[in-house]
Amino acid sequence: MNRSLSLSILAGVVLSAGTAMAHHGWSWAEADQIDLTGKITAISFAPPHPTLELDTAEGPWRIELGNPNQTQRSGFVEGVVAVGDEVTVRGNRSLDPDEKRLKAVRVIVEGRNYDIYPSRIVTN
């Protein structure tokens, strides 16, 4: 393989890794946490991140959970909730005030806590 092709491949890998880290990190989210309560309109446990769609008093929100293994370790697995159930989610909202997206650190279902990111939970 020639040097130019090797450098091109390496550059592509580095750029891809940076994009993945930006998506999967916390840099897109505010430092302060909020609580949202709403009814689930959609659930996905598929990679790369399980998600909930919530209908809240502020309108629809997209809730991103941890990766599938991390979400499962919290006990928040398929069958815990269903579309139509009300949940409260604590997490960090998007820095973009027009984007109703939240990175969840905790999901509360009928008084039970499912701590997705226990070390990141801020309690009042």
N, C-alpha and C. Protein backbone atom coordinates (compact mmCIF):
# COMPACT_ATOMS: atom_id res chain seq x y z
N MET A 1 0.86 -1.17 0.00
CA MET A 1 0.00 0.00 0.00
C MET A 1 0.91 1.23 0.00
N ASN A 2 0.56 2.22 -0.83
CA ASN A 2 1.43 3.38 -0.87
C ASN A 2 1.14 4.33 0.30
N ARG A 3 2.08 5.20 0.55
CA ARG A 3 2.02 6.10 1.71
C ARG A 3 0.80 7.04 1.65
N SER A 4 0.48 7.55 0.47
CA SER A 4 -0.64 8.48 0.30
C SER A 4 -1.96 7.80 0.66
N LEU A 5 -2.15 6.57 0.22
CA LEU A 5 -3.37 5.83 0.52
C LEU A 5 -3.45 5.53 2.01
N SER A 6 -2.34 5.15 2.62
CA SER A 6 -2.30 4.88 4.06
C SER A 6 -2.69 6.11 4.86
N LEU A 7 -2.16 7.28 4.48
CA LEU A 7 -2.49 8.52 5.19
C LEU A 7 -3.95 8.89 5.00
N SER A 8 -4.50 8.63 3.83
CA SER A 8 -5.92 8.91 3.58
C SER A 8 -6.81 8.04 4.45
N ILE A 9 -6.46 6.78 4.56
CA ILE A 9 -7.24 5.86 5.40
C ILE A 9 -7.15 6.28 6.86
N LEU A 10 -5.94 6.61 7.33
CA LEU A 10 -5.76 7.05 8.70
C LEU A 10 -6.57 8.31 8.98
N ALA A 11 -6.57 9.26 8.07
CA ALA A 11 -7.33 10.50 8.25
C ALA A 11 -8.83 10.20 8.35
N GLY A 12 -9.30 9.28 7.53
CA GLY A 12 -10.71 8.90 7.58
C GLY A 12 -11.10 8.28 8.90
N VAL A 13 -10.22 7.42 9.42
CA VAL A 13 -10.48 6.78 10.71
C VAL A 13 -10.52 7.82 11.83
N VAL A 14 -9.56 8.73 11.83
CA VAL A 14 -9.51 9.77 12.86
C VAL A 14 -10.75 10.65 12.81
N LEU A 15 -11.15 11.07 11.62
CA LEU A 15 -12.34 11.91 11.48
C LEU A 15 -13.59 11.18 11.91
N SER A 16 -13.70 9.92 11.56
CA SER A 16 -14.86 9.13 11.97
C SER A 16 -14.91 8.97 13.48
N ALA A 17 -13.78 8.74 14.10
CA ALA A 17 -13.74 8.59 15.56
C ALA A 17 -14.16 9.89 16.23
N GLY A 18 -13.73 11.01 15.70
CA GLY A 18 -14.11 12.30 16.28
C GLY A 18 -15.61 12.52 16.21
N THR A 19 -16.21 12.18 15.08
CA THR A 19 -17.66 12.31 14.92
C THR A 19 -18.39 11.40 15.89
N ALA A 20 -17.92 10.17 16.04
CA ALA A 20 -18.55 9.23 16.97
C ALA A 20 -18.44 9.72 18.40
N MET A 21 -17.28 10.24 18.77
CA MET A 21 -17.11 10.73 20.13
C MET A 21 -18.03 11.93 20.39
N ALA A 22 -18.17 12.80 19.42
CA ALA A 22 -19.04 13.97 19.60
C ALA A 22 -20.48 13.52 19.79
N HIS A 23 -20.90 12.52 19.03
CA HIS A 23 -22.27 12.04 19.15
C HIS A 23 -22.50 11.32 20.47
N HIS A 24 -21.55 10.51 20.87
CA HIS A 24 -21.74 9.67 22.04
C HIS A 24 -21.32 10.34 23.34
N GLY A 25 -20.66 11.46 23.27
CA GLY A 25 -20.22 12.14 24.47
C GLY A 25 -21.31 13.02 25.06
N TRP A 26 -20.90 13.93 25.91
CA TRP A 26 -21.82 14.82 26.61
C TRP A 26 -21.64 16.27 26.16
N SER A 27 -20.76 16.53 25.21
CA SER A 27 -20.46 17.91 24.83
C SER A 27 -21.67 18.64 24.25
N TRP A 28 -22.65 17.93 23.75
CA TRP A 28 -23.83 18.55 23.16
C TRP A 28 -24.88 18.91 24.21
N ALA A 29 -24.65 18.52 25.47
CA ALA A 29 -25.66 18.69 26.52
C ALA A 29 -25.24 19.72 27.56
N GLU A 30 -26.26 20.37 28.15
CA GLU A 30 -26.02 21.31 29.23
C GLU A 30 -25.49 20.60 30.46
N ALA A 31 -24.79 21.34 31.33
CA ALA A 31 -24.27 20.76 32.57
C ALA A 31 -25.39 20.54 33.59
N ASP A 32 -26.35 21.47 33.65
CA ASP A 32 -27.46 21.35 34.60
C ASP A 32 -28.43 20.27 34.16
N GLN A 33 -29.07 19.64 35.14
CA GLN A 33 -30.03 18.59 34.85
C GLN A 33 -31.45 19.08 35.09
N ILE A 34 -32.37 18.51 34.34
CA ILE A 34 -33.78 18.81 34.50
C ILE A 34 -34.55 17.50 34.64
N ASP A 35 -35.76 17.60 35.14
CA ASP A 35 -36.68 16.48 35.18
C ASP A 35 -37.80 16.74 34.18
N LEU A 36 -38.13 15.73 33.40
CA LEU A 36 -39.24 15.80 32.46
C LEU A 36 -40.20 14.67 32.79
N THR A 37 -41.49 14.98 32.77
CA THR A 37 -42.50 13.95 32.96
C THR A 37 -43.39 13.95 31.74
N GLY A 38 -43.69 12.75 31.26
CA GLY A 38 -44.57 12.66 30.10
C GLY A 38 -44.96 11.23 29.81
N LYS A 39 -45.80 11.09 28.81
CA LYS A 39 -46.24 9.77 28.37
C LYS A 39 -45.38 9.31 27.20
N ILE A 40 -45.02 8.03 27.26
CA ILE A 40 -44.19 7.45 26.21
C ILE A 40 -45.02 7.28 24.94
N THR A 41 -44.49 7.81 23.83
CA THR A 41 -45.15 7.63 22.53
C THR A 41 -44.40 6.63 21.65
N ALA A 42 -43.12 6.38 21.96
CA ALA A 42 -42.33 5.39 21.21
C ALA A 42 -41.15 4.95 22.08
N ILE A 43 -40.76 3.70 21.90
CA ILE A 43 -39.63 3.11 22.63
C ILE A 43 -38.76 2.36 21.62
N SER A 44 -37.43 2.49 21.78
CA SER A 44 -36.51 1.68 21.00
C SER A 44 -35.37 1.24 21.91
N PHE A 45 -35.08 -0.04 21.91
CA PHE A 45 -33.94 -0.56 22.66
C PHE A 45 -32.78 -0.90 21.73
N ALA A 46 -32.84 -0.44 20.49
CA ALA A 46 -31.83 -0.75 19.47
C ALA A 46 -30.57 0.10 19.66
N PRO A 47 -29.41 -0.46 19.25
CA PRO A 47 -28.17 0.32 19.27
C PRO A 47 -28.27 1.47 18.27
N PRO A 48 -27.47 2.51 18.40
CA PRO A 48 -26.39 2.64 19.36
C PRO A 48 -26.87 3.07 20.75
N HIS A 49 -28.05 3.73 20.82
CA HIS A 49 -28.59 4.13 22.12
C HIS A 49 -30.09 3.88 22.15
N PRO A 50 -30.57 3.15 23.13
CA PRO A 50 -32.02 3.06 23.31
C PRO A 50 -32.60 4.47 23.48
N THR A 51 -33.82 4.65 23.01
CA THR A 51 -34.45 5.96 23.10
C THR A 51 -35.91 5.83 23.53
N LEU A 52 -36.39 6.92 24.09
CA LEU A 52 -37.81 7.09 24.38
C LEU A 52 -38.25 8.36 23.69
N GLU A 53 -39.45 8.36 23.19
CA GLU A 53 -40.09 9.59 22.72
C GLU A 53 -41.18 9.88 23.74
N LEU A 54 -41.16 11.10 24.30
CA LEU A 54 -42.12 11.47 25.34
C LEU A 54 -43.00 12.62 24.87
N ASP A 55 -44.27 12.54 25.21
CA ASP A 55 -45.19 13.65 25.02
C ASP A 55 -45.29 14.34 26.38
N THR A 56 -44.74 15.55 26.49
CA THR A 56 -44.70 16.29 27.75
C THR A 56 -45.54 17.55 27.64
N ALA A 57 -45.65 18.28 28.74
CA ALA A 57 -46.35 19.56 28.73
C ALA A 57 -45.68 20.56 27.79
N GLU A 58 -44.38 20.36 27.54
CA GLU A 58 -43.62 21.23 26.63
C GLU A 58 -43.63 20.71 25.19
N GLY A 59 -44.38 19.66 24.91
CA GLY A 59 -44.41 19.06 23.59
C GLY A 59 -43.57 17.79 23.56
N PRO A 60 -43.30 17.27 22.36
CA PRO A 60 -42.55 16.01 22.25
C PRO A 60 -41.06 16.19 22.52
N TRP A 61 -40.50 15.20 23.22
CA TRP A 61 -39.06 15.17 23.53
C TRP A 61 -38.49 13.83 23.13
N ARG A 62 -37.23 13.84 22.68
CA ARG A 62 -36.47 12.61 22.41
C ARG A 62 -35.54 12.41 23.60
N ILE A 63 -35.61 11.23 24.20
CA ILE A 63 -34.79 10.89 25.36
C ILE A 63 -33.79 9.82 24.93
N GLU A 64 -32.50 10.13 25.08
CA GLU A 64 -31.45 9.16 24.76
C GLU A 64 -30.99 8.52 26.06
N LEU A 65 -30.92 7.19 26.05
CA LEU A 65 -30.46 6.44 27.21
C LEU A 65 -29.00 6.06 26.98
N GLY A 66 -28.44 5.20 27.82
CA GLY A 66 -27.07 4.73 27.63
C GLY A 66 -27.03 3.70 26.51
N ASN A 67 -25.85 3.15 26.25
CA ASN A 67 -25.78 2.09 25.25
C ASN A 67 -26.63 0.91 25.73
N PRO A 68 -26.98 -0.02 24.85
CA PRO A 68 -27.88 -1.10 25.24
C PRO A 68 -27.44 -1.88 26.49
N ASN A 69 -26.15 -2.21 26.61
CA ASN A 69 -25.69 -2.96 27.78
C ASN A 69 -25.81 -2.13 29.06
N GLN A 70 -25.45 -0.87 28.98
CA GLN A 70 -25.53 0.01 30.14
C GLN A 70 -26.99 0.20 30.57
N THR A 71 -27.87 0.41 29.63
CA THR A 71 -29.28 0.58 29.93
C THR A 71 -29.83 -0.70 30.57
N GLN A 72 -29.44 -1.84 30.04
CA GLN A 72 -29.89 -3.11 30.60
C GLN A 72 -29.38 -3.31 32.03
N ARG A 73 -28.12 -2.94 32.29
CA ARG A 73 -27.56 -3.08 33.65
C ARG A 73 -28.34 -2.25 34.67
N SER A 74 -28.94 -1.15 34.21
CA SER A 74 -29.73 -0.32 35.13
C SER A 74 -31.04 -0.99 35.51
N GLY A 75 -31.40 -2.04 34.77
CA GLY A 75 -32.68 -2.71 34.99
C GLY A 75 -33.78 -2.21 34.08
N PHE A 76 -33.50 -1.17 33.32
CA PHE A 76 -34.48 -0.62 32.39
C PHE A 76 -34.41 -1.43 31.11
N VAL A 77 -35.26 -2.45 31.03
CA VAL A 77 -35.24 -3.39 29.91
C VAL A 77 -36.63 -3.45 29.28
N GLU A 78 -36.69 -4.11 28.13
CA GLU A 78 -37.98 -4.28 27.47
C GLU A 78 -38.99 -4.89 28.44
N GLY A 79 -40.20 -4.34 28.44
CA GLY A 79 -41.25 -4.83 29.32
C GLY A 79 -41.42 -4.02 30.59
N VAL A 80 -40.44 -3.20 30.95
CA VAL A 80 -40.56 -2.35 32.15
C VAL A 80 -41.60 -1.27 31.91
N VAL A 81 -41.63 -0.73 30.69
CA VAL A 81 -42.60 0.29 30.32
C VAL A 81 -43.20 -0.05 28.97
N ALA A 82 -44.31 0.62 28.66
CA ALA A 82 -44.96 0.44 27.37
C ALA A 82 -45.41 1.80 26.86
N VAL A 83 -45.67 1.86 25.58
CA VAL A 83 -46.21 3.09 25.00
C VAL A 83 -47.48 3.44 25.77
N GLY A 84 -47.59 4.71 26.16
CA GLY A 84 -48.74 5.18 26.94
C GLY A 84 -48.44 5.33 28.41
N ASP A 85 -47.36 4.68 28.91
CA ASP A 85 -46.99 4.82 30.32
C ASP A 85 -46.40 6.19 30.58
N GLU A 86 -46.63 6.69 31.80
CA GLU A 86 -46.03 7.95 32.21
C GLU A 86 -44.73 7.67 32.95
N VAL A 87 -43.70 8.43 32.62
CA VAL A 87 -42.40 8.30 33.27
C VAL A 87 -41.86 9.70 33.56
N THR A 88 -40.92 9.75 34.48
CA THR A 88 -40.15 10.96 34.72
C THR A 88 -38.71 10.63 34.39
N VAL A 89 -38.06 11.53 33.68
CA VAL A 89 -36.69 11.33 33.25
C VAL A 89 -35.86 12.50 33.75
N ARG A 90 -34.73 12.19 34.39
CA ARG A 90 -33.77 13.22 34.80
C ARG A 90 -32.58 13.13 33.86
N GLY A 91 -32.12 14.29 33.42
CA GLY A 91 -30.98 14.28 32.53
C GLY A 91 -30.55 15.66 32.10
N ASN A 92 -29.68 15.66 31.11
CA ASN A 92 -29.07 16.88 30.59
C ASN A 92 -29.64 17.17 29.21
N ARG A 93 -30.27 18.34 29.07
CA ARG A 93 -30.88 18.69 27.80
C ARG A 93 -29.86 19.22 26.82
N SER A 94 -30.24 19.26 25.57
CA SER A 94 -29.39 19.76 24.50
C SER A 94 -29.03 21.22 24.73
N LEU A 95 -27.82 21.60 24.34
CA LEU A 95 -27.40 23.00 24.39
C LEU A 95 -28.23 23.87 23.44
N ASP A 96 -28.77 23.27 22.40
CA ASP A 96 -29.61 23.98 21.45
C ASP A 96 -31.01 24.11 22.05
N PRO A 97 -31.43 25.33 22.42
CA PRO A 97 -32.72 25.50 23.09
C PRO A 97 -33.91 25.11 22.21
N ASP A 98 -33.71 25.05 20.89
CA ASP A 98 -34.80 24.66 19.99
C ASP A 98 -34.91 23.15 19.82
N GLU A 99 -33.92 22.41 20.33
CA GLU A 99 -33.91 20.95 20.21
C GLU A 99 -34.40 20.34 21.51
N LYS A 100 -35.48 19.62 21.43
CA LYS A 100 -36.04 18.96 22.62
C LYS A 100 -35.49 17.54 22.71
N ARG A 101 -34.24 17.48 23.15
CA ARG A 101 -33.51 16.21 23.28
C ARG A 101 -32.82 16.21 24.62
N LEU A 102 -32.84 15.06 25.30
CA LEU A 102 -32.28 14.94 26.64
C LEU A 102 -31.47 13.66 26.74
N LYS A 103 -30.29 13.75 27.35
CA LYS A 103 -29.48 12.57 27.66
C LYS A 103 -29.86 12.14 29.07
N ALA A 104 -30.53 11.03 29.21
CA ALA A 104 -31.06 10.59 30.50
C ALA A 104 -29.98 9.99 31.39
N VAL A 105 -29.98 10.37 32.66
CA VAL A 105 -29.13 9.73 33.66
C VAL A 105 -29.97 8.82 34.56
N ARG A 106 -31.28 9.12 34.63
CA ARG A 106 -32.20 8.32 35.46
C ARG A 106 -33.58 8.32 34.81
N VAL A 107 -34.24 7.16 34.85
CA VAL A 107 -35.63 7.05 34.44
C VAL A 107 -36.40 6.57 35.66
N ILE A 108 -37.52 7.24 35.96
CA ILE A 108 -38.34 6.87 37.12
C ILE A 108 -39.69 6.36 36.61
N VAL A 109 -39.99 5.12 37.00
CA VAL A 109 -41.24 4.47 36.60
C VAL A 109 -41.95 4.03 37.86
N GLU A 110 -43.13 4.60 38.10
CA GLU A 110 -43.94 4.26 39.28
C GLU A 110 -43.11 4.27 40.56
N GLY A 111 -42.30 5.31 40.74
CA GLY A 111 -41.50 5.47 41.95
C GLY A 111 -40.20 4.68 41.99
N ARG A 112 -39.93 3.88 40.99
CA ARG A 112 -38.69 3.10 40.95
C ARG A 112 -37.66 3.79 40.05
N ASN A 113 -36.45 3.94 40.57
CA ASN A 113 -35.36 4.56 39.82
C ASN A 113 -34.58 3.54 39.01
N TYR A 114 -34.36 3.88 37.76
CA TYR A 114 -33.48 3.12 36.88
C TYR A 114 -32.32 4.06 36.55
N ASP A 115 -31.21 3.86 37.23
CA ASP A 115 -30.07 4.76 37.10
C ASP A 115 -29.16 4.33 35.97
N ILE A 116 -29.27 5.03 34.84
CA ILE A 116 -28.50 4.72 33.64
C ILE A 116 -27.04 5.14 33.83
N TYR A 117 -26.84 6.34 34.36
CA TYR A 117 -25.50 6.89 34.64
C TYR A 117 -25.45 7.29 36.11
N PRO A 118 -25.31 6.35 37.04
CA PRO A 118 -25.37 6.67 38.47
C PRO A 118 -24.38 7.74 38.91
N SER A 119 -23.19 7.75 38.36
CA SER A 119 -22.17 8.71 38.80
C SER A 119 -22.46 10.13 38.31
N ARG A 120 -23.37 10.28 37.37
CA ARG A 120 -23.68 11.61 36.83
C ARG A 120 -24.95 12.21 37.43
N ILE A 121 -25.67 11.48 38.25
CA ILE A 121 -26.94 11.96 38.80
C ILE A 121 -26.69 13.08 39.80
N VAL A 122 -27.37 14.19 39.57
CA VAL A 122 -27.33 15.32 40.49
C VAL A 122 -28.70 15.38 41.16
N THR A 123 -28.73 15.36 42.47
CA THR A 123 -30.00 15.45 43.18
C THR A 123 -30.11 16.82 43.83
N ASN A 124 -31.31 17.29 43.90
CA ASN A 124 -31.54 18.62 44.49
C ASN A 124 -31.70 18.53 45.99
